[in-house]
Amino acid sequence: HLPQYKAQKHHAILAVNVANTLSQFLLDTYQY
């Protein structure tokens, strides 16, 4: 969308890390 805030590197790394962690947890939970 048209961004309301300018994303910085630390925002991007946080978003990607959080998404990766949640993805891994959901995949592992599903397999378990």
PDB file of all heavy atoms in Angstrom:
ATOM      1  N   HIS A   1       0.853  -1.184   0.000  1.00  0.00           N
ATOM      2  CA  HIS A   1       0.000   0.000   0.000  1.00  0.00           C
ATOM      3  C   HIS A   1       0.889   1.233   0.000  1.00  0.00           C
ATOM      4  O   HIS A   1       2.106   1.140   0.125  1.00  0.00           O
ATOM      5  CB  HIS A   1      -0.895   0.030   1.251  1.00  0.00           C
ATOM      6  CG  HIS A   1      -1.760  -1.175   1.407  1.00  0.00           C
ATOM      7  ND1 HIS A   1      -2.891  -1.386   0.658  1.00  0.00           N
ATOM      8  CD2 HIS A   1      -1.654  -2.247   2.242  1.00  0.00           C
ATOM      9  CE1 HIS A   1      -3.463  -2.523   1.019  1.00  0.00           C
ATOM     10  NE2 HIS A   1      -2.728  -3.064   1.971  1.00  0.00           N
ATOM     11  N   LEU A   2       0.252   2.395  -0.109  1.00  0.00           N
ATOM     12  CA  LEU A   2       1.003   3.631   0.064  1.00  0.00           C
ATOM     13  C   LEU A   2       1.453   3.686   1.518  1.00  0.00           C
ATOM     14  O   LEU A   2       0.615   3.768   2.427  1.00  0.00           O
ATOM     15  CB  LEU A   2       0.120   4.839  -0.263  1.00  0.00           C
ATOM     16  CG  LEU A   2       0.773   6.218  -0.079  1.00  0.00           C
ATOM     17  CD1 LEU A   2       1.935   6.377  -1.064  1.00  0.00           C
ATOM     18  CD2 LEU A   2      -0.237   7.325  -0.267  1.00  0.00           C
ATOM     19  N   PRO A   3       2.760   3.609   1.799  1.00  0.00           N
ATOM     20  CA  PRO A   3       3.223   3.530   3.190  1.00  0.00           C
ATOM     21  C   PRO A   3       2.999   4.827   3.950  1.00  0.00           C
ATOM     22  O   PRO A   3       3.146   5.921   3.400  1.00  0.00           O
ATOM     23  CB  PRO A   3       4.718   3.224   3.047  1.00  0.00           C
ATOM     24  CG  PRO A   3       5.085   3.739   1.700  1.00  0.00           C
ATOM     25  CD  PRO A   3       3.872   3.550   0.839  1.00  0.00           C
ATOM     26  N   GLN A   4       2.608   4.691   5.223  1.00  0.00           N
ATOM     27  CA  GLN A   4       2.430   5.852   6.085  1.00  0.00           C
ATOM     28  C   GLN A   4       3.711   6.174   6.845  1.00  0.00           C
ATOM     29  O   GLN A   4       3.879   7.276   7.350  1.00  0.00           O
ATOM     30  CB  GLN A   4       1.284   5.596   7.071  1.00  0.00           C
ATOM     31  CG  GLN A   4      -0.066   5.406   6.387  1.00  0.00           C
ATOM     32  CD  GLN A   4      -1.191   5.204   7.383  1.00  0.00           C
ATOM     33  OE1 GLN A   4      -1.103   5.617   8.534  1.00  0.00           O
ATOM     34  NE2 GLN A   4      -2.267   4.557   6.932  1.00  0.00           N
ATOM     35  N   TYR A   5       4.590   5.174   6.950  1.00  0.00           N
ATOM     36  CA  TYR A   5       5.880   5.350   7.605  1.00  0.00           C
ATOM     37  C   TYR A   5       6.966   4.791   6.704  1.00  0.00           C
ATOM     38  O   TYR A   5       6.748   3.836   5.960  1.00  0.00           O
ATOM     39  CB  TYR A   5       5.920   4.607   8.957  1.00  0.00           C
ATOM     40  CG  TYR A   5       4.816   4.996   9.906  1.00  0.00           C
ATOM     41  CD1 TYR A   5       3.664   4.226  10.001  1.00  0.00           C
ATOM     42  CD2 TYR A   5       4.921   6.127  10.709  1.00  0.00           C
ATOM     43  CE1 TYR A   5       2.637   4.571  10.876  1.00  0.00           C
ATOM     44  CE2 TYR A   5       3.906   6.486  11.583  1.00  0.00           C
ATOM     45  CZ  TYR A   5       2.766   5.698  11.663  1.00  0.00           C
ATOM     46  OH  TYR A   5       1.765   6.050  12.517  1.00  0.00           O
ATOM     47  N   LYS A   6       8.139   5.376   6.761  1.00  0.00           N
ATOM     48  CA  LYS A   6       9.254   4.879   5.970  1.00  0.00           C
ATOM     49  C   LYS A   6       9.937   3.730   6.706  1.00  0.00           C
ATOM     50  O   LYS A   6      10.447   3.908   7.811  1.00  0.00           O
ATOM     51  CB  LYS A   6      10.266   5.995   5.703  1.00  0.00           C
ATOM     52  CG  LYS A   6      11.400   5.569   4.780  1.00  0.00           C
ATOM     53  CD  LYS A   6      12.325   6.727   4.469  1.00  0.00           C
ATOM     54  CE  LYS A   6      13.449   6.277   3.533  1.00  0.00           C
ATOM     55  NZ  LYS A   6      14.364   7.395   3.207  1.00  0.00           N
ATOM     56  N   ALA A   7       9.935   2.562   6.102  1.00  0.00           N
ATOM     57  CA  ALA A   7      10.550   1.394   6.728  1.00  0.00           C
ATOM     58  C   ALA A   7      12.069   1.528   6.744  1.00  0.00           C
ATOM     59  O   ALA A   7      12.672   1.939   5.759  1.00  0.00           O
ATOM     60  CB  ALA A   7      10.148   0.125   5.980  1.00  0.00           C
ATOM     61  N   GLN A   8      12.657   1.197   7.877  1.00  0.00           N
ATOM     62  CA  GLN A   8      14.104   1.197   8.029  1.00  0.00           C
ATOM     63  C   GLN A   8      14.604  -0.245   8.115  1.00  0.00           C
ATOM     64  O   GLN A   8      13.811  -1.182   8.230  1.00  0.00           O
ATOM     65  CB  GLN A   8      14.515   1.985   9.274  1.00  0.00           C
ATOM     66  CG  GLN A   8      14.050   3.430   9.273  1.00  0.00           C
ATOM     67  CD  GLN A   8      14.677   4.255   8.167  1.00  0.00           C
ATOM     68  OE1 GLN A   8      15.804   3.998   7.753  1.00  0.00           O
ATOM     69  NE2 GLN A   8      13.948   5.260   7.681  1.00  0.00           N
ATOM     70  N   LYS A   9      15.912  -0.394   8.072  1.00  0.00           N
ATOM     71  CA  LYS A   9      16.492  -1.737   8.065  1.00  0.00           C
ATOM     72  C   LYS A   9      16.092  -2.537   9.296  1.00  0.00           C
ATOM     73  O   LYS A   9      15.770  -3.723   9.199  1.00  0.00           O
ATOM     74  CB  LYS A   9      18.020  -1.637   7.974  1.00  0.00           C
ATOM     75  CG  LYS A   9      18.705  -2.996   7.865  1.00  0.00           C
ATOM     76  CD  LYS A   9      20.203  -2.826   7.677  1.00  0.00           C
ATOM     77  CE  LYS A   9      20.883  -4.179   7.509  1.00  0.00           C
ATOM     78  NZ  LYS A   9      22.339  -4.031   7.285  1.00  0.00           N
ATOM     79  N   HIS A  10      16.113  -1.895  10.468  1.00  0.00           N
ATOM     80  CA  HIS A  10      15.790  -2.643  11.682  1.00  0.00           C
ATOM     81  C   HIS A  10      14.324  -3.079  11.696  1.00  0.00           C
ATOM     82  O   HIS A  10      13.982  -4.120  12.260  1.00  0.00           O
ATOM     83  CB  HIS A  10      16.138  -1.839  12.944  1.00  0.00           C
ATOM     84  CG  HIS A  10      15.439  -0.528  13.075  1.00  0.00           C
ATOM     85  ND1 HIS A  10      15.786   0.577  12.332  1.00  0.00           N
ATOM     86  CD2 HIS A  10      14.407  -0.135  13.868  1.00  0.00           C
ATOM     87  CE1 HIS A  10      15.003   1.594  12.669  1.00  0.00           C
ATOM     88  NE2 HIS A  10      14.157   1.186  13.603  1.00  0.00           N
ATOM     89  N   HIS A  11      13.447  -2.293  11.038  1.00  0.00           N
ATOM     90  CA  HIS A  11      12.054  -2.708  10.919  1.00  0.00           C
ATOM     91  C   HIS A  11      11.951  -3.957  10.044  1.00  0.00           C
ATOM     92  O   HIS A  11      11.229  -4.909  10.367  1.00  0.00           O
ATOM     93  CB  HIS A  11      11.211  -1.603  10.277  1.00  0.00           C
ATOM     94  CG  HIS A  11      11.127  -0.348  11.079  1.00  0.00           C
ATOM     95  ND1 HIS A  11      11.261   0.897  10.517  1.00  0.00           N
ATOM     96  CD2 HIS A  11      10.937  -0.139  12.406  1.00  0.00           C
ATOM     97  CE1 HIS A  11      11.138   1.824  11.446  1.00  0.00           C
ATOM     98  NE2 HIS A  11      10.949   1.224  12.610  1.00  0.00           N
ATOM     99  N   ALA A  12      12.663  -3.927   8.919  1.00  0.00           N
ATOM    100  CA  ALA A  12      12.616  -5.050   7.966  1.00  0.00           C
ATOM    101  C   ALA A  12      13.173  -6.324   8.594  1.00  0.00           C
ATOM    102  O   ALA A  12      12.585  -7.405   8.459  1.00  0.00           O
ATOM    103  CB  ALA A  12      13.388  -4.689   6.711  1.00  0.00           C
ATOM    104  N   ILE A  13      14.315  -6.214   9.281  1.00  0.00           N
ATOM    105  CA  ILE A  13      14.917  -7.394   9.905  1.00  0.00           C
ATOM    106  C   ILE A  13      13.993  -7.963  10.982  1.00  0.00           C
ATOM    107  O   ILE A  13      13.829  -9.179  11.102  1.00  0.00           O
ATOM    108  CB  ILE A  13      16.303  -7.054  10.493  1.00  0.00           C
ATOM    109  CG1 ILE A  13      17.301  -6.791   9.356  1.00  0.00           C
ATOM    110  CG2 ILE A  13      16.818  -8.175  11.392  1.00  0.00           C
ATOM    111  CD1 ILE A  13      18.680  -6.391   9.820  1.00  0.00           C
ATOM    112  N   LEU A  14      13.363  -7.067  11.756  1.00  0.00           N
ATOM    113  CA  LEU A  14      12.418  -7.519  12.782  1.00  0.00           C
ATOM    114  C   LEU A  14      11.251  -8.263  12.140  1.00  0.00           C
ATOM    115  O   LEU A  14      10.888  -9.364  12.581  1.00  0.00           O
ATOM    116  CB  LEU A  14      11.902  -6.317  13.578  1.00  0.00           C
ATOM    117  CG  LEU A  14      10.792  -6.624  14.605  1.00  0.00           C
ATOM    118  CD1 LEU A  14      11.309  -7.584  15.668  1.00  0.00           C
ATOM    119  CD2 LEU A  14      10.278  -5.341  15.247  1.00  0.00           C
ATOM    120  N   ALA A  15      10.667  -7.686  11.091  1.00  0.00           N
ATOM    121  CA  ALA A  15       9.518  -8.311  10.429  1.00  0.00           C
ATOM    122  C   ALA A  15       9.884  -9.672   9.846  1.00  0.00           C
ATOM    123  O   ALA A  15       9.142 -10.648  10.001  1.00  0.00           O
ATOM    124  CB  ALA A  15       8.986  -7.392   9.328  1.00  0.00           C
ATOM    125  N   VAL A  16      11.044  -9.749   9.195  1.00  0.00           N
ATOM    126  CA  VAL A  16      11.470 -11.012   8.574  1.00  0.00           C
ATOM    127  C   VAL A  16      11.791 -12.057   9.641  1.00  0.00           C
ATOM    128  O   VAL A  16      11.386 -13.222   9.534  1.00  0.00           O
ATOM    129  CB  VAL A  16      12.689 -10.780   7.648  1.00  0.00           C
ATOM    130  CG1 VAL A  16      13.252 -12.108   7.161  1.00  0.00           C
ATOM    131  CG2 VAL A  16      12.290  -9.911   6.463  1.00  0.00           C
ATOM    132  N   ASN A  17      12.502 -11.659  10.692  1.00  0.00           N
ATOM    133  CA  ASN A  17      12.822 -12.604  11.758  1.00  0.00           C
ATOM    134  C   ASN A  17      11.569 -13.127  12.446  1.00  0.00           C
ATOM    135  O   ASN A  17      11.454 -14.328  12.740  1.00  0.00           O
ATOM    136  CB  ASN A  17      13.740 -11.950  12.788  1.00  0.00           C
ATOM    137  CG  ASN A  17      15.201 -12.070  12.430  1.00  0.00           C
ATOM    138  OD1 ASN A  17      15.599 -12.951  11.673  1.00  0.00           O
ATOM    139  ND2 ASN A  17      16.015 -11.177  12.944  1.00  0.00           N
ATOM    140  N   VAL A  18      10.635 -12.234  12.726  1.00  0.00           N
ATOM    141  CA  VAL A  18       9.385 -12.636  13.378  1.00  0.00           C
ATOM    142  C   VAL A  18       8.602 -13.588  12.476  1.00  0.00           C
ATOM    143  O   VAL A  18       8.084 -14.611  12.934  1.00  0.00           O
ATOM    144  CB  VAL A  18       8.533 -11.388  13.720  1.00  0.00           C
ATOM    145  CG1 VAL A  18       7.108 -11.780  14.042  1.00  0.00           C
ATOM    146  CG2 VAL A  18       9.138 -10.646  14.909  1.00  0.00           C
ATOM    147  N   ALA A  19       8.521 -13.260  11.194  1.00  0.00           N
ATOM    148  CA  ALA A  19       7.802 -14.116  10.242  1.00  0.00           C
ATOM    149  C   ALA A  19       8.469 -15.484  10.136  1.00  0.00           C
ATOM    150  O   ALA A  19       7.786 -16.519  10.104  1.00  0.00           O
ATOM    151  CB  ALA A  19       7.743 -13.449   8.874  1.00  0.00           C
ATOM    152  N   ASN A  20       9.797 -15.508  10.087  1.00  0.00           N
ATOM    153  CA  ASN A  20      10.520 -16.772   9.996  1.00  0.00           C
ATOM    154  C   ASN A  20      10.317 -17.616  11.246  1.00  0.00           C
ATOM    155  O   ASN A  20      10.119 -18.835  11.174  1.00  0.00           O
ATOM    156  CB  ASN A  20      12.010 -16.512   9.779  1.00  0.00           C
ATOM    157  CG  ASN A  20      12.325 -16.010   8.379  1.00  0.00           C
ATOM    158  OD1 ASN A  20      11.443 -15.953   7.533  1.00  0.00           O
ATOM    159  ND2 ASN A  20      13.560 -15.646   8.132  1.00  0.00           N
ATOM    160  N   THR A  21      10.394 -16.976  12.407  1.00  0.00           N
ATOM    161  CA  THR A  21      10.215 -17.708  13.673  1.00  0.00           C
ATOM    162  C   THR A  21       8.814 -18.284  13.777  1.00  0.00           C
ATOM    163  O   THR A  21       8.629 -19.452  14.144  1.00  0.00           O
ATOM    164  CB  THR A  21      10.490 -16.776  14.872  1.00  0.00           C
ATOM    165  OG1 THR A  21      11.836 -16.310  14.809  1.00  0.00           O
ATOM    166  CG2 THR A  21      10.275 -17.509  16.192  1.00  0.00           C
ATOM    167  N   LEU A  22       7.813 -17.467  13.455  1.00  0.00           N
ATOM    168  CA  LEU A  22       6.433 -17.942  13.511  1.00  0.00           C
ATOM    169  C   LEU A  22       6.206 -19.058  12.495  1.00  0.00           C
ATOM    170  O   LEU A  22       5.551 -20.061  12.799  1.00  0.00           O
ATOM    171  CB  LEU A  22       5.468 -16.782  13.239  1.00  0.00           C
ATOM    172  CG  LEU A  22       3.979 -17.131  13.249  1.00  0.00           C
ATOM    173  CD1 LEU A  22       3.565 -17.749  14.589  1.00  0.00           C
ATOM    174  CD2 LEU A  22       3.133 -15.887  12.956  1.00  0.00           C
ATOM    175  N   SER A  23       6.758 -18.902  11.298  1.00  0.00           N
ATOM    176  CA  SER A  23       6.623 -19.940  10.263  1.00  0.00           C
ATOM    177  C   SER A  23       7.199 -21.263  10.739  1.00  0.00           C
ATOM    178  O   SER A  23       6.577 -22.324  10.587  1.00  0.00           O
ATOM    179  CB  SER A  23       7.325 -19.497   8.978  1.00  0.00           C
ATOM    180  OG  SER A  23       6.713 -18.360   8.423  1.00  0.00           O
ATOM    181  N   GLN A  24       8.399 -21.207  11.318  1.00  0.00           N
ATOM    182  CA  GLN A  24       9.040 -22.426  11.794  1.00  0.00           C
ATOM    183  C   GLN A  24       8.221 -23.086  12.896  1.00  0.00           C
ATOM    184  O   GLN A  24       8.031 -24.306  12.917  1.00  0.00           O
ATOM    185  CB  GLN A  24      10.443 -22.111  12.322  1.00  0.00           C
ATOM    186  CG  GLN A  24      11.292 -23.354  12.593  1.00  0.00           C
ATOM    187  CD  GLN A  24      11.613 -24.100  11.309  1.00  0.00           C
ATOM    188  OE1 GLN A  24      12.319 -23.592  10.459  1.00  0.00           O
ATOM    189  NE2 GLN A  24      11.075 -25.298  11.159  1.00  0.00           N
ATOM    190  N   PHE A  25       7.703 -22.276  13.814  1.00  0.00           N
ATOM    191  CA  PHE A  25       6.900 -22.810  14.907  1.00  0.00           C
ATOM    192  C   PHE A  25       5.637 -23.479  14.381  1.00  0.00           C
ATOM    193  O   PHE A  25       5.270 -24.579  14.826  1.00  0.00           O
ATOM    194  CB  PHE A  25       6.535 -21.695  15.889  1.00  0.00           C
ATOM    195  CG  PHE A  25       5.614 -22.145  16.987  1.00  0.00           C
ATOM    196  CD1 PHE A  25       6.086 -22.938  18.027  1.00  0.00           C
ATOM    197  CD2 PHE A  25       4.273 -21.800  16.975  1.00  0.00           C
ATOM    198  CE1 PHE A  25       5.231 -23.378  19.031  1.00  0.00           C
ATOM    199  CE2 PHE A  25       3.410 -22.222  17.977  1.00  0.00           C
ATOM    200  CZ  PHE A  25       3.896 -23.019  19.014  1.00  0.00           C
ATOM    201  N   LEU A  26       4.960 -22.851  13.437  1.00  0.00           N
ATOM    202  CA  LEU A  26       3.729 -23.421  12.890  1.00  0.00           C
ATOM    203  C   LEU A  26       3.996 -24.711  12.124  1.00  0.00           C
ATOM    204  O   LEU A  26       3.237 -25.687  12.242  1.00  0.00           O
ATOM    205  CB  LEU A  26       3.041 -22.404  11.980  1.00  0.00           C
ATOM    206  CG  LEU A  26       2.490 -21.145  12.664  1.00  0.00           C
ATOM    207  CD1 LEU A  26       1.910 -20.186  11.636  1.00  0.00           C
ATOM    208  CD2 LEU A  26       1.445 -21.509  13.704  1.00  0.00           C
ATOM    209  N   LEU A  27       5.071 -24.741  11.353  1.00  0.00           N
ATOM    210  CA  LEU A  27       5.430 -25.951  10.613  1.00  0.00           C
ATOM    211  C   LEU A  27       5.761 -27.093  11.571  1.00  0.00           C
ATOM    212  O   LEU A  27       5.312 -28.233  11.386  1.00  0.00           O
ATOM    213  CB  LEU A  27       6.617 -25.684   9.684  1.00  0.00           C
ATOM    214  CG  LEU A  27       6.344 -24.792   8.470  1.00  0.00           C
ATOM    215  CD1 LEU A  27       7.654 -24.430   7.779  1.00  0.00           C
ATOM    216  CD2 LEU A  27       5.410 -25.482   7.483  1.00  0.00           C
ATOM    217  N   ASP A  28       6.556 -26.793  12.597  1.00  0.00           N
ATOM    218  CA  ASP A  28       6.938 -27.814  13.575  1.00  0.00           C
ATOM    219  C   ASP A  28       5.727 -28.299  14.360  1.00  0.00           C
ATOM    220  O   ASP A  28       5.594 -29.501  14.646  1.00  0.00           O
ATOM    221  CB  ASP A  28       7.994 -27.264  14.542  1.00  0.00           C
ATOM    222  CG  ASP A  28       9.334 -27.014  13.872  1.00  0.00           C
ATOM    223  OD1 ASP A  28       9.532 -27.526  12.750  1.00  0.00           O
ATOM    224  OD2 ASP A  28      10.173 -26.313  14.461  1.00  0.00           O
ATOM    225  N   THR A  29       4.836 -27.371  14.714  1.00  0.00           N
ATOM    226  CA  THR A  29       3.617 -27.731  15.452  1.00  0.00           C
ATOM    227  C   THR A  29       2.730 -28.627  14.608  1.00  0.00           C
ATOM    228  O   THR A  29       2.179 -29.631  15.096  1.00  0.00           O
ATOM    229  CB  THR A  29       2.844 -26.466  15.861  1.00  0.00           C
ATOM    230  OG1 THR A  29       3.666 -25.666  16.725  1.00  0.00           O
ATOM    231  CG2 THR A  29       1.562 -26.822  16.612  1.00  0.00           C
ATOM    232  N   TYR A  30       2.596 -28.275  13.337  1.00  0.00           N
ATOM    233  CA  TYR A  30       1.783 -29.094  12.430  1.00  0.00           C
ATOM    234  C   TYR A  30       2.337 -30.515  12.320  1.00  0.00           C
ATOM    235  O   TYR A  30       1.591 -31.493  12.444  1.00  0.00           O
ATOM    236  CB  TYR A  30       1.723 -28.440  11.052  1.00  0.00           C
ATOM    237  CG  TYR A  30       1.243 -29.382   9.968  1.00  0.00           C
ATOM    238  CD1 TYR A  30      -0.040 -29.924  10.001  1.00  0.00           C
ATOM    239  CD2 TYR A  30       2.092 -29.767   8.931  1.00  0.00           C
ATOM    240  CE1 TYR A  30      -0.473 -30.805   9.029  1.00  0.00           C
ATOM    241  CE2 TYR A  30       1.667 -30.649   7.951  1.00  0.00           C
ATOM    242  CZ  TYR A  30       0.389 -31.167   7.999  1.00  0.00           C
ATOM    243  OH  TYR A  30      -0.033 -32.051   7.045  1.00  0.00           O
ATOM    244  N   GLN A  31       3.651 -30.636  12.116  1.00  0.00           N
ATOM    245  CA  GLN A  31       4.268 -31.963  11.999  1.00  0.00           C
ATOM    246  C   GLN A  31       4.106 -32.763  13.289  1.00  0.00           C
ATOM    247  O   GLN A  31       3.787 -33.962  13.258  1.00  0.00           O
ATOM    248  CB  GLN A  31       5.762 -31.809  11.663  1.00  0.00           C
ATOM    249  CG  GLN A  31       6.053 -31.216  10.293  1.00  0.00           C
ATOM    250  CD  GLN A  31       5.634 -32.125   9.142  1.00  0.00           C
ATOM    251  OE1 GLN A  31       5.524 -33.333   9.295  1.00  0.00           O
ATOM    252  NE2 GLN A  31       5.385 -31.534   7.984  1.00  0.00           N
ATOM    253  N   TYR A  32       4.292 -32.126  14.418  1.00  0.00           N
ATOM    254  CA  TYR A  32       4.184 -32.786  15.726  1.00  0.00           C
ATOM    255  C   TYR A  32       2.763 -33.295  15.958  1.00  0.00           C
ATOM    256  O   TYR A  32       2.553 -34.453  16.332  1.00  0.00           O
ATOM    257  CB  TYR A  32       4.585 -31.797  16.821  1.00  0.00           C
ATOM    258  CG  TYR A  32       4.424 -32.327  18.227  1.00  0.00           C
ATOM    259  CD1 TYR A  32       5.440 -33.062  18.840  1.00  0.00           C
ATOM    260  CD2 TYR A  32       3.253 -32.083  18.955  1.00  0.00           C
ATOM    261  CE1 TYR A  32       5.287 -33.553  20.133  1.00  0.00           C
ATOM    262  CE2 TYR A  32       3.094 -32.575  20.235  1.00  0.00           C
ATOM    263  CZ  TYR A  32       4.116 -33.304  20.824  1.00  0.00           C
ATOM    264  OH  TYR A  32       3.954 -33.799  22.103  1.00  0.00           O
TER     265      TYR A  32
END
